[in-house]
Amino acid sequence: MANSINDIQEELISEFEFFDDWMEKYDYIISLGKSMPMIDEKYKNEDHIINGCQSKVWLNAEKDGDFVKFTADSDAIITKGIISLLIRVLTNQKPEDIQKADLYFIDKIGLKEHLSPMRSNGLESMLKKMKMYGLALNNTSC
């Protein structure tokens, strides 16, 4: 059985507690982005781009049995790291759990307060798009 959304958030919070300052945390976020499963090139199009992000972010979601699998990419390394955090928490979860998820880890690790207003808006746009995918895939029987 997959870890719950809250279990994964707690893991992330613990991981971020190891770092003393935000430069180390940014380095970690960037490294997570580099190890993220890449989106298939065929999804790098306007249909999969997240509006509201300063840089380009492509996101795809597919249903695999009862669970949603996300893949993404970005043309900016920090943004790629941010979307990788969201994917880590929300991929392999049920659509209804994605829809109702409260991603409290974002505030607990201090991410929002260390992002520029544009990146913070982008983070909100990414989260909104992932929840919309959860809604859409909850209403399909693929």
N, C-alpha and C. Protein backbone atom coordinates (compact mmCIF):
# COMPACT_ATOMS: atom_id res chain seq x y z
N MET A 1 0.84 -1.20 0.00
CA MET A 1 0.00 0.00 0.00
C MET A 1 0.88 1.25 0.00
N ALA A 2 0.45 2.23 -0.74
CA ALA A 2 1.20 3.49 -0.83
C ALA A 2 1.10 4.26 0.48
N ASN A 3 2.12 5.04 0.75
CA ASN A 3 2.08 5.92 1.92
C ASN A 3 0.99 6.96 1.73
N SER A 4 0.38 7.37 2.81
CA SER A 4 -0.66 8.40 2.72
C SER A 4 -0.01 9.76 2.43
N ILE A 5 -0.82 10.67 1.98
CA ILE A 5 -0.35 12.03 1.70
C ILE A 5 0.29 12.63 2.95
N ASN A 6 -0.34 12.45 4.10
CA ASN A 6 0.21 13.02 5.33
C ASN A 6 1.51 12.34 5.75
N ASP A 7 1.64 11.02 5.52
CA ASP A 7 2.89 10.32 5.83
C ASP A 7 4.04 10.92 5.00
N ILE A 8 3.78 11.15 3.74
CA ILE A 8 4.82 11.69 2.85
C ILE A 8 5.17 13.12 3.25
N GLN A 9 4.16 13.89 3.63
CA GLN A 9 4.43 15.26 4.09
C GLN A 9 5.31 15.25 5.34
N GLU A 10 5.04 14.34 6.25
CA GLU A 10 5.85 14.24 7.47
C GLU A 10 7.29 13.87 7.13
N GLU A 11 7.48 12.96 6.14
CA GLU A 11 8.83 12.61 5.69
C GLU A 11 9.56 13.85 5.17
N LEU A 12 8.88 14.63 4.35
CA LEU A 12 9.50 15.85 3.80
C LEU A 12 9.85 16.84 4.90
N ILE A 13 8.96 17.03 5.84
CA ILE A 13 9.23 17.96 6.94
C ILE A 13 10.48 17.51 7.69
N SER A 14 10.59 16.20 7.96
CA SER A 14 11.77 15.66 8.65
C SER A 14 13.03 15.89 7.83
N GLU A 15 12.95 15.66 6.52
CA GLU A 15 14.12 15.86 5.66
C GLU A 15 14.59 17.31 5.70
N PHE A 16 13.66 18.24 5.66
CA PHE A 16 14.03 19.65 5.64
C PHE A 16 14.58 20.14 6.98
N GLU A 17 14.27 19.43 8.07
CA GLU A 17 14.81 19.80 9.38
C GLU A 17 16.31 19.58 9.47
N PHE A 18 16.88 18.77 8.58
CA PHE A 18 18.32 18.52 8.58
C PHE A 18 19.13 19.72 8.13
N PHE A 19 18.49 20.64 7.41
CA PHE A 19 19.23 21.76 6.82
C PHE A 19 19.18 22.98 7.72
N ASP A 20 20.34 23.66 7.80
CA ASP A 20 20.45 24.81 8.68
C ASP A 20 19.95 26.11 8.06
N ASP A 21 20.14 26.25 6.75
CA ASP A 21 19.73 27.52 6.13
C ASP A 21 19.04 27.26 4.80
N TRP A 22 18.50 28.35 4.24
CA TRP A 22 17.70 28.20 3.03
C TRP A 22 18.53 27.93 1.78
N MET A 23 19.79 28.28 1.77
CA MET A 23 20.61 27.93 0.61
C MET A 23 20.73 26.41 0.51
N GLU A 24 20.91 25.74 1.65
CA GLU A 24 20.96 24.27 1.66
C GLU A 24 19.62 23.68 1.24
N LYS A 25 18.54 24.28 1.70
CA LYS A 25 17.20 23.80 1.33
C LYS A 25 16.95 23.97 -0.16
N TYR A 26 17.37 25.11 -0.72
CA TYR A 26 17.22 25.31 -2.17
C TYR A 26 18.02 24.28 -2.94
N ASP A 27 19.25 24.00 -2.49
CA ASP A 27 20.07 22.97 -3.14
C ASP A 27 19.36 21.62 -3.12
N TYR A 28 18.74 21.30 -2.00
CA TYR A 28 18.02 20.04 -1.87
C TYR A 28 16.82 20.00 -2.82
N ILE A 29 16.07 21.10 -2.87
CA ILE A 29 14.91 21.19 -3.77
C ILE A 29 15.37 21.00 -5.22
N ILE A 30 16.47 21.63 -5.58
CA ILE A 30 17.00 21.50 -6.95
C ILE A 30 17.39 20.05 -7.22
N SER A 31 18.04 19.39 -6.25
CA SER A 31 18.44 18.00 -6.45
C SER A 31 17.22 17.09 -6.59
N LEU A 32 16.15 17.39 -5.86
CA LEU A 32 14.92 16.60 -6.01
C LEU A 32 14.34 16.77 -7.41
N GLY A 33 14.42 17.97 -7.93
CA GLY A 33 13.92 18.22 -9.29
C GLY A 33 14.70 17.44 -10.33
N LYS A 34 16.00 17.31 -10.11
CA LYS A 34 16.84 16.57 -11.06
C LYS A 34 16.53 15.08 -11.05
N SER A 35 16.03 14.56 -9.94
CA SER A 35 15.75 13.12 -9.85
C SER A 35 14.27 12.79 -10.11
N MET A 36 13.48 13.79 -10.46
CA MET A 36 12.05 13.59 -10.70
C MET A 36 11.82 12.80 -12.00
N PRO A 37 10.81 11.92 -12.01
CA PRO A 37 10.47 11.24 -13.26
C PRO A 37 10.06 12.27 -14.32
N MET A 38 10.68 12.17 -15.48
CA MET A 38 10.46 13.17 -16.52
C MET A 38 9.15 12.93 -17.27
N ILE A 39 8.52 14.03 -17.64
CA ILE A 39 7.32 13.98 -18.45
C ILE A 39 7.70 13.54 -19.87
N ASP A 40 6.86 12.78 -20.50
CA ASP A 40 7.09 12.38 -21.89
C ASP A 40 7.06 13.63 -22.76
N GLU A 41 7.96 13.70 -23.71
CA GLU A 41 8.08 14.89 -24.59
C GLU A 41 6.75 15.24 -25.25
N LYS A 42 5.90 14.22 -25.53
CA LYS A 42 4.63 14.49 -26.22
C LYS A 42 3.68 15.34 -25.38
N TYR A 43 3.94 15.43 -24.06
CA TYR A 43 3.10 16.25 -23.19
C TYR A 43 3.66 17.66 -22.97
N LYS A 44 4.79 17.94 -23.58
CA LYS A 44 5.35 19.30 -23.46
C LYS A 44 4.70 20.19 -24.52
N ASN A 45 3.43 20.50 -24.26
CA ASN A 45 2.66 21.33 -25.18
C ASN A 45 1.74 22.25 -24.38
N GLU A 46 1.02 23.08 -25.10
CA GLU A 46 0.15 24.08 -24.46
C GLU A 46 -0.95 23.45 -23.60
N ASP A 47 -1.39 22.24 -23.97
CA ASP A 47 -2.45 21.58 -23.20
C ASP A 47 -1.99 21.19 -21.80
N HIS A 48 -0.69 21.03 -21.61
CA HIS A 48 -0.17 20.55 -20.32
C HIS A 48 0.61 21.62 -19.55
N ILE A 49 0.63 22.83 -20.08
CA ILE A 49 1.38 23.89 -19.40
C ILE A 49 0.53 24.45 -18.26
N ILE A 50 1.17 24.82 -17.18
CA ILE A 50 0.46 25.40 -16.03
C ILE A 50 0.49 26.92 -16.17
N ASN A 51 -0.67 27.50 -16.32
CA ASN A 51 -0.76 28.95 -16.41
C ASN A 51 -0.56 29.56 -15.03
N GLY A 52 0.07 30.71 -14.97
CA GLY A 52 0.29 31.38 -13.70
C GLY A 52 1.70 31.20 -13.18
N CYS A 53 2.50 30.43 -13.90
CA CYS A 53 3.89 30.23 -13.50
C CYS A 53 4.79 31.16 -14.30
N GLN A 54 5.79 31.69 -13.64
CA GLN A 54 6.75 32.59 -14.27
C GLN A 54 7.55 31.84 -15.33
N SER A 55 7.96 30.62 -14.98
CA SER A 55 8.69 29.78 -15.93
C SER A 55 7.71 28.76 -16.51
N LYS A 56 8.16 28.03 -17.50
CA LYS A 56 7.29 27.02 -18.10
C LYS A 56 7.29 25.77 -17.24
N VAL A 57 6.08 25.28 -16.95
CA VAL A 57 5.92 24.04 -16.21
C VAL A 57 4.87 23.21 -16.96
N TRP A 58 5.26 21.98 -17.29
CA TRP A 58 4.35 21.05 -17.94
C TRP A 58 4.00 19.97 -16.94
N LEU A 59 2.72 19.61 -16.88
CA LEU A 59 2.26 18.61 -15.93
C LEU A 59 1.31 17.66 -16.63
N ASN A 60 1.51 16.38 -16.38
CA ASN A 60 0.60 15.37 -16.91
C ASN A 60 0.18 14.45 -15.78
N ALA A 61 -1.06 13.97 -15.86
CA ALA A 61 -1.57 13.01 -14.88
C ALA A 61 -2.27 11.90 -15.63
N GLU A 62 -2.04 10.70 -15.17
CA GLU A 62 -2.70 9.53 -15.75
C GLU A 62 -3.18 8.65 -14.62
N LYS A 63 -4.31 8.00 -14.87
CA LYS A 63 -4.84 7.09 -13.87
C LYS A 63 -4.22 5.71 -14.09
N ASP A 64 -3.75 5.12 -13.03
CA ASP A 64 -3.17 3.79 -13.05
C ASP A 64 -3.91 2.98 -12.00
N GLY A 65 -4.91 2.23 -12.45
CA GLY A 65 -5.79 1.54 -11.51
C GLY A 65 -6.60 2.58 -10.75
N ASP A 66 -6.51 2.55 -9.43
CA ASP A 66 -7.24 3.52 -8.60
C ASP A 66 -6.42 4.76 -8.28
N PHE A 67 -5.19 4.81 -8.79
CA PHE A 67 -4.27 5.87 -8.39
C PHE A 67 -3.90 6.78 -9.55
N VAL A 68 -3.48 8.01 -9.19
CA VAL A 68 -3.05 9.00 -10.17
C VAL A 68 -1.53 9.06 -10.15
N LYS A 69 -0.94 9.07 -11.33
CA LYS A 69 0.51 9.23 -11.45
C LYS A 69 0.77 10.53 -12.18
N PHE A 70 1.61 11.37 -11.58
CA PHE A 70 1.97 12.65 -12.16
C PHE A 70 3.39 12.60 -12.71
N THR A 71 3.60 13.30 -13.83
CA THR A 71 4.93 13.58 -14.34
C THR A 71 4.96 15.05 -14.72
N ALA A 72 6.15 15.63 -14.70
CA ALA A 72 6.25 17.07 -14.97
C ALA A 72 7.65 17.41 -15.44
N ASP A 73 7.79 18.65 -15.89
CA ASP A 73 9.09 19.22 -16.21
C ASP A 73 8.95 20.73 -16.16
N SER A 74 10.08 21.40 -16.06
CA SER A 74 10.10 22.86 -16.07
C SER A 74 11.40 23.32 -16.71
N ASP A 75 11.38 24.53 -17.24
CA ASP A 75 12.60 25.08 -17.82
C ASP A 75 13.43 25.85 -16.79
N ALA A 76 12.98 25.84 -15.52
CA ALA A 76 13.72 26.50 -14.45
C ALA A 76 14.01 25.47 -13.34
N ILE A 77 15.26 25.41 -12.89
CA ILE A 77 15.64 24.34 -11.97
C ILE A 77 14.93 24.42 -10.61
N ILE A 78 14.73 25.61 -10.08
CA ILE A 78 14.05 25.70 -8.78
C ILE A 78 12.58 25.33 -8.92
N THR A 79 11.96 25.75 -10.02
CA THR A 79 10.55 25.41 -10.26
C THR A 79 10.39 23.91 -10.45
N LYS A 80 11.33 23.31 -11.14
CA LYS A 80 11.32 21.86 -11.33
C LYS A 80 11.38 21.16 -9.97
N GLY A 81 12.18 21.69 -9.06
CA GLY A 81 12.26 21.14 -7.72
C GLY A 81 10.97 21.29 -6.95
N ILE A 82 10.32 22.44 -7.10
CA ILE A 82 9.06 22.69 -6.39
C ILE A 82 7.98 21.72 -6.87
N ILE A 83 7.86 21.56 -8.19
CA ILE A 83 6.83 20.64 -8.71
C ILE A 83 7.18 19.20 -8.29
N SER A 84 8.47 18.89 -8.17
CA SER A 84 8.84 17.53 -7.74
C SER A 84 8.38 17.26 -6.31
N LEU A 85 8.40 18.29 -5.45
CA LEU A 85 7.88 18.13 -4.08
C LEU A 85 6.39 17.79 -4.10
N LEU A 86 5.64 18.53 -4.93
CA LEU A 86 4.20 18.29 -5.02
C LEU A 86 3.92 16.90 -5.58
N ILE A 87 4.69 16.52 -6.60
CA ILE A 87 4.50 15.19 -7.19
C ILE A 87 4.81 14.11 -6.17
N ARG A 88 5.87 14.29 -5.43
CA ARG A 88 6.23 13.28 -4.42
C ARG A 88 5.08 13.05 -3.44
N VAL A 89 4.39 14.11 -3.07
CA VAL A 89 3.30 14.00 -2.11
C VAL A 89 2.03 13.45 -2.76
N LEU A 90 1.74 13.86 -4.00
CA LEU A 90 0.43 13.56 -4.58
C LEU A 90 0.41 12.40 -5.58
N THR A 91 1.55 11.98 -6.11
CA THR A 91 1.51 10.87 -7.07
C THR A 91 1.24 9.56 -6.33
N ASN A 92 0.64 8.62 -7.05
CA ASN A 92 0.25 7.32 -6.47
C ASN A 92 -0.77 7.45 -5.35
N GLN A 93 -1.59 8.48 -5.45
CA GLN A 93 -2.69 8.67 -4.50
C GLN A 93 -4.01 8.55 -5.25
N LYS A 94 -5.08 8.33 -4.52
CA LYS A 94 -6.41 8.25 -5.14
C LYS A 94 -6.88 9.66 -5.49
N PRO A 95 -7.62 9.79 -6.61
CA PRO A 95 -8.08 11.12 -7.04
C PRO A 95 -8.81 11.89 -5.94
N GLU A 96 -9.67 11.20 -5.19
CA GLU A 96 -10.43 11.91 -4.15
C GLU A 96 -9.52 12.40 -3.03
N ASP A 97 -8.43 11.67 -2.76
CA ASP A 97 -7.48 12.11 -1.73
C ASP A 97 -6.69 13.32 -2.21
N ILE A 98 -6.38 13.36 -3.50
CA ILE A 98 -5.68 14.51 -4.08
C ILE A 98 -6.55 15.75 -3.98
N GLN A 99 -7.83 15.59 -4.31
CA GLN A 99 -8.76 16.72 -4.27
C GLN A 99 -8.85 17.35 -2.89
N LYS A 100 -8.89 16.53 -1.85
CA LYS A 100 -9.12 17.06 -0.50
C LYS A 100 -7.83 17.26 0.29
N ALA A 101 -6.68 17.03 -0.34
CA ALA A 101 -5.40 17.11 0.37
C ALA A 101 -5.13 18.52 0.89
N ASP A 102 -4.67 18.57 2.12
CA ASP A 102 -4.20 19.82 2.74
C ASP A 102 -2.68 19.70 2.79
N LEU A 103 -2.01 20.42 1.91
CA LEU A 103 -0.56 20.31 1.83
C LEU A 103 0.10 21.26 2.83
N TYR A 104 0.03 20.89 4.09
CA TYR A 104 0.56 21.70 5.18
C TYR A 104 2.08 21.73 5.21
N PHE A 105 2.73 20.78 4.54
CA PHE A 105 4.20 20.74 4.57
C PHE A 105 4.79 22.01 3.96
N ILE A 106 4.09 22.62 3.02
CA ILE A 106 4.59 23.83 2.34
C ILE A 106 4.87 24.92 3.38
N ASP A 107 3.94 25.11 4.31
CA ASP A 107 4.13 26.11 5.36
C ASP A 107 5.11 25.62 6.42
N LYS A 108 5.04 24.33 6.77
CA LYS A 108 5.89 23.79 7.83
C LYS A 108 7.38 23.88 7.47
N ILE A 109 7.72 23.70 6.19
CA ILE A 109 9.14 23.79 5.82
C ILE A 109 9.54 25.23 5.49
N GLY A 110 8.54 26.14 5.48
CA GLY A 110 8.83 27.54 5.23
C GLY A 110 9.00 27.88 3.76
N LEU A 111 8.51 27.01 2.89
CA LEU A 111 8.73 27.20 1.45
C LEU A 111 8.09 28.49 0.93
N LYS A 112 6.82 28.69 1.27
CA LYS A 112 6.11 29.84 0.71
C LYS A 112 6.77 31.16 1.09
N GLU A 113 7.22 31.27 2.32
CA GLU A 113 7.81 32.53 2.78
C GLU A 113 9.18 32.78 2.16
N HIS A 114 9.79 31.75 1.57
CA HIS A 114 11.10 31.92 0.94
C HIS A 114 11.03 31.95 -0.59
N LEU A 115 9.82 32.07 -1.12
CA LEU A 115 9.65 32.18 -2.57
C LEU A 115 9.28 33.61 -2.91
N SER A 116 9.66 34.02 -4.10
CA SER A 116 9.23 35.33 -4.59
C SER A 116 7.71 35.27 -4.78
N PRO A 117 7.03 36.44 -4.80
CA PRO A 117 5.58 36.42 -5.03
C PRO A 117 5.19 35.69 -6.32
N MET A 118 5.98 35.84 -7.38
CA MET A 118 5.66 35.15 -8.64
C MET A 118 5.77 33.64 -8.47
N ARG A 119 6.83 33.18 -7.81
CA ARG A 119 7.00 31.73 -7.60
C ARG A 119 5.92 31.20 -6.66
N SER A 120 5.54 31.99 -5.68
CA SER A 120 4.50 31.58 -4.75
C SER A 120 3.17 31.42 -5.50
N ASN A 121 2.88 32.35 -6.41
CA ASN A 121 1.68 32.23 -7.25
C ASN A 121 1.77 30.99 -8.13
N GLY A 122 2.96 30.73 -8.65
CA GLY A 122 3.18 29.54 -9.47
C GLY A 122 2.93 28.26 -8.69
N LEU A 123 3.38 28.24 -7.43
CA LEU A 123 3.16 27.10 -6.56
C LEU A 123 1.65 26.85 -6.40
N GLU A 124 0.90 27.92 -6.17
CA GLU A 124 -0.55 27.81 -6.04
C GLU A 124 -1.17 27.27 -7.33
N SER A 125 -0.67 27.75 -8.48
CA SER A 125 -1.18 27.30 -9.77
C SER A 125 -0.89 25.82 -9.99
N MET A 126 0.29 25.37 -9.59
CA MET A 126 0.65 23.95 -9.73
C MET A 126 -0.29 23.09 -8.88
N LEU A 127 -0.49 23.51 -7.65
CA LEU A 127 -1.34 22.76 -6.73
C LEU A 127 -2.78 22.71 -7.25
N LYS A 128 -3.27 23.84 -7.73
CA LYS A 128 -4.63 23.91 -8.25
C LYS A 128 -4.80 22.97 -9.45
N LYS A 129 -3.81 22.95 -10.34
CA LYS A 129 -3.87 22.09 -11.53
C LYS A 129 -3.86 20.61 -11.11
N MET A 130 -3.05 20.25 -10.12
CA MET A 130 -3.00 18.86 -9.67
C MET A 130 -4.33 18.45 -9.05
N LYS A 131 -4.95 19.34 -8.31
CA LYS A 131 -6.25 19.03 -7.72
C LYS A 131 -7.33 18.93 -8.80
N MET A 132 -7.19 19.75 -9.86
CA MET A 132 -8.14 19.66 -10.98
C MET A 132 -8.00 18.31 -11.69
N TYR A 133 -6.76 17.85 -11.85
CA TYR A 133 -6.55 16.52 -12.42
C TYR A 133 -7.20 15.46 -11.53
N GLY A 134 -7.06 15.61 -10.22
CA GLY A 134 -7.69 14.68 -9.28
C GLY A 134 -9.19 14.63 -9.48
N LEU A 135 -9.81 15.80 -9.65
CA LEU A 135 -11.24 15.89 -9.89
C LEU A 135 -11.60 15.23 -11.20
N ALA A 136 -10.88 15.56 -12.27
CA ALA A 136 -11.18 15.02 -13.60
C ALA A 136 -11.03 13.50 -13.62
N LEU A 137 -9.96 13.00 -12.99
CA LEU A 137 -9.72 11.55 -13.02
C LEU A 137 -10.60 10.79 -12.05
N ASN A 138 -11.18 11.49 -11.09
CA ASN A 138 -12.12 10.86 -10.17
C ASN A 138 -13.44 10.61 -10.88
N ASN A 139 -13.71 11.40 -11.92
CA ASN A 139 -14.97 11.28 -12.63
C ASN A 139 -14.86 10.43 -13.89
N THR A 140 -13.74 9.72 -14.03
CA THR A 140 -13.58 8.84 -15.18
C THR A 140 -13.40 7.42 -14.68
N SER A 141 -13.75 6.52 -15.48
CA SER A 141 -13.55 5.12 -15.10
C SER A 141 -12.61 4.48 -16.10
N CYS A 142 -11.38 4.97 -16.12
CA CYS A 142 -10.36 4.44 -17.03
C CYS A 142 -9.77 3.18 -16.46
